[in-house]
C-alpha cells in the first residue's frame, strides 16, 4: 500500500481503495461479520459479537476465500496485480465500547486479536494469501487446509501452528487435494525430522503439484533446507521458526 500510494494521486488512490474495500466489505457483511474499522487499505473484522454467530470460524474462512475471489475480479478489471493477505484467529476477546473519555468505538482487544494481527503480517513472509491458526482450523471443519509452519511470533513465547487455507469443502474432498496434502505432509515431517534429502525430494514433488498460492511457500522451505544443511539445528530442535518481524 505504501509503495502504491507513492505513485498515485490522492483521488486515484481513494478510488482504487473504494473499488477494493467495497466488494470485500460486501463479502464480510454477507458472512455476518462485524466490521470493526478500516486501517488504510486494511479491514479489521470479527465474528460472534454483538450477536452469537453459528459456525463463525467456518464463515470467516469462507469469507476469506470469497475476498480473494473479489480481489481477482478487481485485478482482471483494472489490469493490476494487487495482493491481499488475510490472517484469522479464533478465541475469547474483550469486545465493547473501547477508547477514551472523549471518544470511543465498538471494537475488540485481547491476546487473540494481537495474534490475528501477527498472523496477517506473516502472510507476507510465507507468500500465501490466507493464514489461519490451529484454533480457527479446528473450528472451521472440513475445508482445504495445509500446515504452513510452527512459528513463534513477535511478542509471544508459545509457538503457533499456522495453516494455509486453499479452498472450500469440495476442494478439500477432491483427489487432487488429497494427493497434494499427502506430499506436503511428507515435506513437513522430513523437515522437522532434519531429513534434508527426504525434505528436498518431497519439496520437488510438491512443486510439480502445487497451485500458484503455494509457490512462495515452497520457496521459503527451499531456502530453509539449504540453510539448515550448511548450519544444522541443535539436537533438541523442535522445528519452530522464530519470526523476527511483525
Protein backbone atom coordinates (compact mmCIF):
# COMPACT_ATOMS: atom_id res chain seq x y z
CA UNK A 1 0.00 0.00 0.00
CA UNK A 2 2.83 2.44 0.87
CA UNK A 3 4.68 1.96 -2.42
CA UNK A 4 1.41 2.04 -4.36
CA UNK A 5 0.28 5.30 -2.77
CA UNK A 6 3.65 6.92 -3.53
CA UNK A 7 3.00 6.75 -7.29
CA UNK A 8 -0.71 7.68 -7.30
CA UNK A 9 -2.55 10.97 -6.92
CA UNK A 10 -4.76 11.09 -3.80
CA UNK A 11 -8.00 10.94 -5.80
CA UNK A 12 -6.74 7.94 -7.80
CA UNK A 13 -5.71 6.16 -4.62
CA UNK A 14 -9.06 6.87 -2.99
CA UNK A 15 -10.90 5.49 -6.00
CA UNK A 16 -8.78 2.33 -6.05
CA UNK A 17 -9.29 1.75 -2.32
CA UNK A 18 -13.03 2.18 -2.71
CA UNK A 19 -13.06 -0.37 -5.54
CA UNK A 20 -11.16 -2.79 -3.29
CA UNK A 21 -12.88 -2.19 0.05
CA UNK A 22 -16.46 -2.12 -1.25
CA UNK A 23 -16.63 -5.67 -2.66
CA UNK A 24 -14.55 -7.13 0.17
CA UNK A 25 -16.79 -5.42 2.72
CA UNK A 26 -19.83 -6.84 0.91
CA UNK A 27 -18.32 -10.31 1.33
CA UNK A 28 -17.79 -9.79 5.05
CA UNK A 29 -21.29 -8.48 5.65
CA UNK A 30 -22.84 -11.41 3.78
CA UNK A 31 -20.79 -13.68 6.05
CA UNK A 32 -22.27 -11.98 9.15
CA UNK A 33 -19.05 -10.27 10.17
CA UNK A 34 -18.87 -7.14 12.31
CA UNK A 35 -16.75 -4.50 10.57
CA UNK A 36 -14.50 -3.01 13.24
CA UNK A 37 -12.53 -0.41 11.29
CA UNK A 38 -10.67 0.44 8.09
CA UNK A 39 -6.94 0.99 8.52
CA UNK A 40 -5.66 2.44 5.25
CA UNK A 41 -6.04 -0.45 2.83
CA UNK A 42 -6.90 -2.95 5.58
CA UNK A 43 -10.15 -4.13 7.13
CA UNK A 44 -10.41 -5.36 10.71
CA UNK A 45 -13.48 -7.51 11.27
CA UNK A 46 -14.68 -10.05 13.81
CA UNK A 47 -17.49 -12.53 14.32
CA UNK A 48 -19.77 -13.63 17.18
CA UNK A 49 -20.34 -10.16 18.65
CA UNK A 50 -22.58 -8.32 19.35
CA UNK A 51 -24.75 -11.32 18.35
CA UNK A 52 -23.91 -15.00 18.54
CA UNK A 53 -23.00 -16.32 15.07
CA UNK A 54 -23.19 -20.06 14.48
CA UNK A 55 -20.15 -21.63 12.77
CA UNK A 56 -18.40 -18.28 12.82
CA UNK A 57 -14.89 -19.69 12.27
CA UNK A 58 -16.07 -21.52 9.14
CA UNK A 59 -17.89 -18.42 7.91
CA UNK A 60 -14.73 -16.37 8.43
CA UNK A 61 -12.70 -18.84 6.37
CA UNK A 62 -15.22 -18.92 3.55
CA UNK A 63 -15.33 -15.12 3.62
CA UNK A 64 -11.54 -15.02 3.28
CA UNK A 65 -11.75 -17.22 0.18
CA UNK A 66 -14.51 -15.04 -1.27
CA UNK A 67 -12.47 -11.90 -0.60
CA UNK A 68 -9.63 -13.36 -2.66
CA UNK A 69 -12.11 -14.03 -5.47
CA UNK A 70 -13.29 -10.42 -5.27
CA UNK A 71 -9.70 -9.23 -5.48
CA UNK A 72 -9.05 -11.42 -8.52
CA UNK A 73 -12.07 -9.85 -10.24
CA UNK A 74 -10.76 -6.37 -9.48
CA UNK A 75 -7.33 -7.26 -10.84
CA UNK A 76 -8.84 -8.55 -14.08
CA UNK A 77 -10.88 -5.39 -14.43
CA UNK A 78 -8.11 -2.94 -13.53
CA UNK A 79 -5.13 -4.73 -15.04
CA UNK A 80 -3.32 -4.50 -11.71
CA UNK A 81 -1.74 -7.25 -9.60
CA UNK A 82 -2.90 -6.31 -6.12
CA UNK A 83 -2.41 -8.89 -3.37
CA UNK A 84 -4.37 -9.28 -0.17
CA UNK A 85 -3.07 -11.02 2.96
CA UNK A 86 -5.70 -12.33 5.39
CA UNK A 87 -4.99 -13.64 8.90
CA UNK A 88 -7.59 -15.43 11.04
CA UNK A 89 -7.56 -16.48 14.68
CA UNK A 90 -10.27 -17.79 17.00
CA UNK A 91 -10.55 -17.26 20.74
CA UNK A 92 -12.04 -15.12 23.52
CA UNK A 93 -11.62 -11.33 23.36
CA UNK A 94 -12.86 -8.28 25.22
CA UNK A 95 -15.48 -6.66 22.97
CA UNK A 96 -17.36 -3.43 23.59
CA UNK A 97 -17.12 0.35 23.55
CA UNK A 98 -13.38 0.97 23.83
CA UNK A 99 -11.40 4.19 23.71
CA UNK A 100 -11.13 7.30 25.85
CA UNK A 101 -13.39 9.61 27.85
CA UNK A 102 -13.63 11.85 24.77
CA UNK A 103 -14.22 9.27 22.08
CA UNK A 104 -14.80 5.52 21.84
CA UNK A 105 -15.82 2.91 19.30
CA UNK A 106 -17.15 -0.63 19.32
CA UNK A 107 -14.09 -2.83 18.97
CA UNK A 108 -12.24 -5.90 20.24
CA UNK A 109 -8.99 -6.20 22.19
CA UNK A 110 -7.01 -9.00 23.76
CA UNK A 111 -4.28 -11.53 23.10
CA UNK A 112 -6.28 -13.29 20.39
CA UNK A 113 -6.71 -10.02 18.49
CA UNK A 114 -2.95 -9.47 18.66
CA UNK A 115 -2.35 -13.00 17.37
CA UNK A 116 -4.69 -12.40 14.41
CA UNK A 117 -2.71 -9.28 13.55
CA UNK A 118 0.60 -11.18 13.70
CA UNK A 119 -0.82 -13.96 11.52
CA UNK A 120 -1.96 -11.43 8.92
CA UNK A 121 1.55 -9.96 8.83
CA UNK A 122 3.07 -13.40 8.30
CA UNK A 123 1.20 -13.87 5.03
CA UNK A 124 3.88 -11.63 3.50
CA UNK A 125 6.75 -13.72 4.88
CA UNK A 126 5.19 -17.00 3.74
CA UNK A 127 3.90 -15.56 0.44
CA UNK A 128 0.42 -17.02 0.89
CA UNK A 129 -2.96 -15.22 0.67
CA UNK A 130 -4.64 -16.70 3.78
CA UNK A 131 -3.15 -17.98 7.03
CA UNK A 132 -5.14 -19.28 10.00
CA UNK A 133 -4.25 -20.58 13.44
CA UNK A 134 -4.83 -24.08 14.76
CA UNK A 135 -7.84 -22.82 16.72
CA UNK A 136 -9.51 -21.50 13.58
CA UNK A 137 -8.67 -24.58 11.54
CA UNK A 138 -10.12 -26.87 14.21
CA UNK A 139 -13.33 -24.86 14.46
CA UNK A 140 -13.80 -24.37 10.71
CA UNK A 141 -14.30 -28.01 9.81
CA UNK A 142 -13.62 -29.78 6.51
CA UNK A 143 -12.05 -27.02 4.42
CA UNK A 144 -8.83 -27.37 2.43
CA UNK A 145 -6.04 -26.59 4.91
CA UNK A 146 -2.33 -27.37 4.73
CA UNK A 147 0.04 -26.80 7.64
CA UNK A 148 2.42 -23.93 6.91
CA UNK A 149 4.73 -23.92 9.92
CA UNK A 150 5.24 -23.74 13.66
CA UNK A 151 6.06 -20.10 14.38
CA UNK A 152 7.00 -18.11 17.44
CA UNK A 153 5.62 -14.69 16.58
CA UNK A 154 6.98 -11.39 17.85
CA UNK A 155 5.90 -10.71 21.41
CA UNK A 156 4.86 -14.29 22.28
CA UNK A 157 6.80 -17.21 23.76
CA UNK A 158 4.40 -20.02 22.79
CA UNK A 159 4.65 -21.14 19.14
CA UNK A 160 1.64 -21.07 16.83
CA UNK A 161 0.69 -23.77 14.35
CA UNK A 162 -0.26 -21.95 11.14
CA UNK A 163 -2.25 -23.31 8.21
CA UNK A 164 -2.74 -22.16 4.65
CA UNK A 165 -6.37 -22.08 3.53
CA UNK A 166 -6.64 -23.13 -0.12
CA UNK A 167 -10.31 -23.87 -0.73
CA UNK A 168 -13.74 -24.94 0.43
CA UNK A 169 -15.05 -28.37 1.44
CA UNK A 170 -15.50 -29.50 -2.17
CA UNK A 171 -11.87 -28.66 -2.89
CA UNK A 172 -10.78 -30.46 0.29
CA UNK A 173 -12.62 -33.63 -0.84
CA UNK A 174 -11.03 -33.70 -4.29
CA UNK A 175 -8.44 -36.39 -5.20
CA UNK A 176 -6.04 -33.68 -6.37
CA UNK A 177 -6.04 -32.02 -2.95
CA UNK A 178 -5.63 -35.36 -1.16
CA UNK A 179 -2.54 -36.02 -3.29
CA UNK A 180 -1.20 -32.54 -2.64
CA UNK A 181 -1.81 -32.86 1.12
CA UNK A 182 0.00 -36.21 1.26
CA UNK A 183 3.13 -34.85 -0.42
CA UNK A 184 3.02 -31.70 1.68
CA UNK A 185 2.72 -33.73 4.88
CA UNK A 186 5.83 -35.68 3.84
CA UNK A 187 7.72 -32.41 3.41
CA UNK A 188 6.77 -31.14 6.86
CA UNK A 189 7.61 -34.44 8.58
CA UNK A 190 11.00 -34.72 6.86
CA UNK A 191 11.81 -31.07 7.56
CA UNK A 192 11.06 -31.35 11.29
CA UNK A 193 12.94 -34.63 11.44
CA UNK A 194 16.03 -32.96 9.93
CA UNK A 195 15.95 -35.41 7.00
CA UNK A 196 17.10 -32.90 4.42
CA UNK A 197 17.36 -35.27 1.44
CA UNK A 198 13.83 -36.54 2.04
CA UNK A 199 12.61 -32.99 2.58
CA UNK A 200 14.14 -31.84 -0.70
CA UNK A 201 12.62 -34.79 -2.56
CA UNK A 202 9.18 -34.03 -1.11
CA UNK A 203 9.61 -30.36 -1.96
CA UNK A 204 10.45 -31.19 -5.57
CA UNK A 205 7.34 -33.38 -5.79
CA UNK A 206 5.25 -30.64 -4.19
CA UNK A 207 6.39 -28.10 -6.77
CA UNK A 208 5.09 -30.38 -9.53
CA UNK A 209 1.64 -30.43 -7.96
CA UNK A 210 1.40 -27.10 -6.21
CA UNK A 211 -1.10 -24.37 -7.07
CA UNK A 212 0.14 -20.81 -7.51
CA UNK A 213 -0.92 -19.96 -3.95
CA UNK A 214 1.76 -22.32 -2.58
CA UNK A 215 4.66 -21.42 -4.87
CA UNK A 216 6.02 -18.81 -2.46
CA UNK A 217 5.78 -21.20 0.50
CA UNK A 218 7.80 -23.75 -1.47
CA UNK A 219 10.48 -21.09 -1.97
CA UNK A 220 10.56 -20.46 1.80
CA UNK A 221 11.20 -24.12 2.54
CA UNK A 222 13.77 -24.40 -0.26
CA UNK A 223 15.79 -21.59 1.34
CA UNK A 224 15.50 -23.13 4.79
CA UNK A 225 16.62 -26.58 3.65
CA UNK A 226 19.74 -25.09 2.06
CA UNK A 227 20.49 -23.04 5.18
CA UNK A 228 19.92 -25.92 7.61
CA UNK A 229 22.07 -28.30 5.58
CA UNK A 230 25.04 -25.96 5.99
CA UNK A 231 24.25 -24.94 9.57
CA UNK A 232 22.32 -27.81 11.22
CA UNK A 233 19.99 -27.02 14.12
CA UNK A 234 20.71 -28.30 17.65
CA UNK A 235 19.80 -31.86 18.59
CA UNK A 236 16.78 -30.71 20.58
CA UNK A 237 15.38 -28.58 17.73
CA UNK A 238 11.58 -28.68 17.68
CA UNK A 239 11.07 -27.26 14.19
CA UNK A 240 9.79 -23.91 15.46
CA UNK A 241 10.63 -20.89 13.30
CA UNK A 242 11.23 -17.69 15.28
CA UNK A 243 9.79 -14.68 13.46
CA UNK A 244 11.93 -11.56 13.79
CA UNK A 245 9.41 -9.08 12.39
CA UNK A 246 5.69 -8.44 12.59
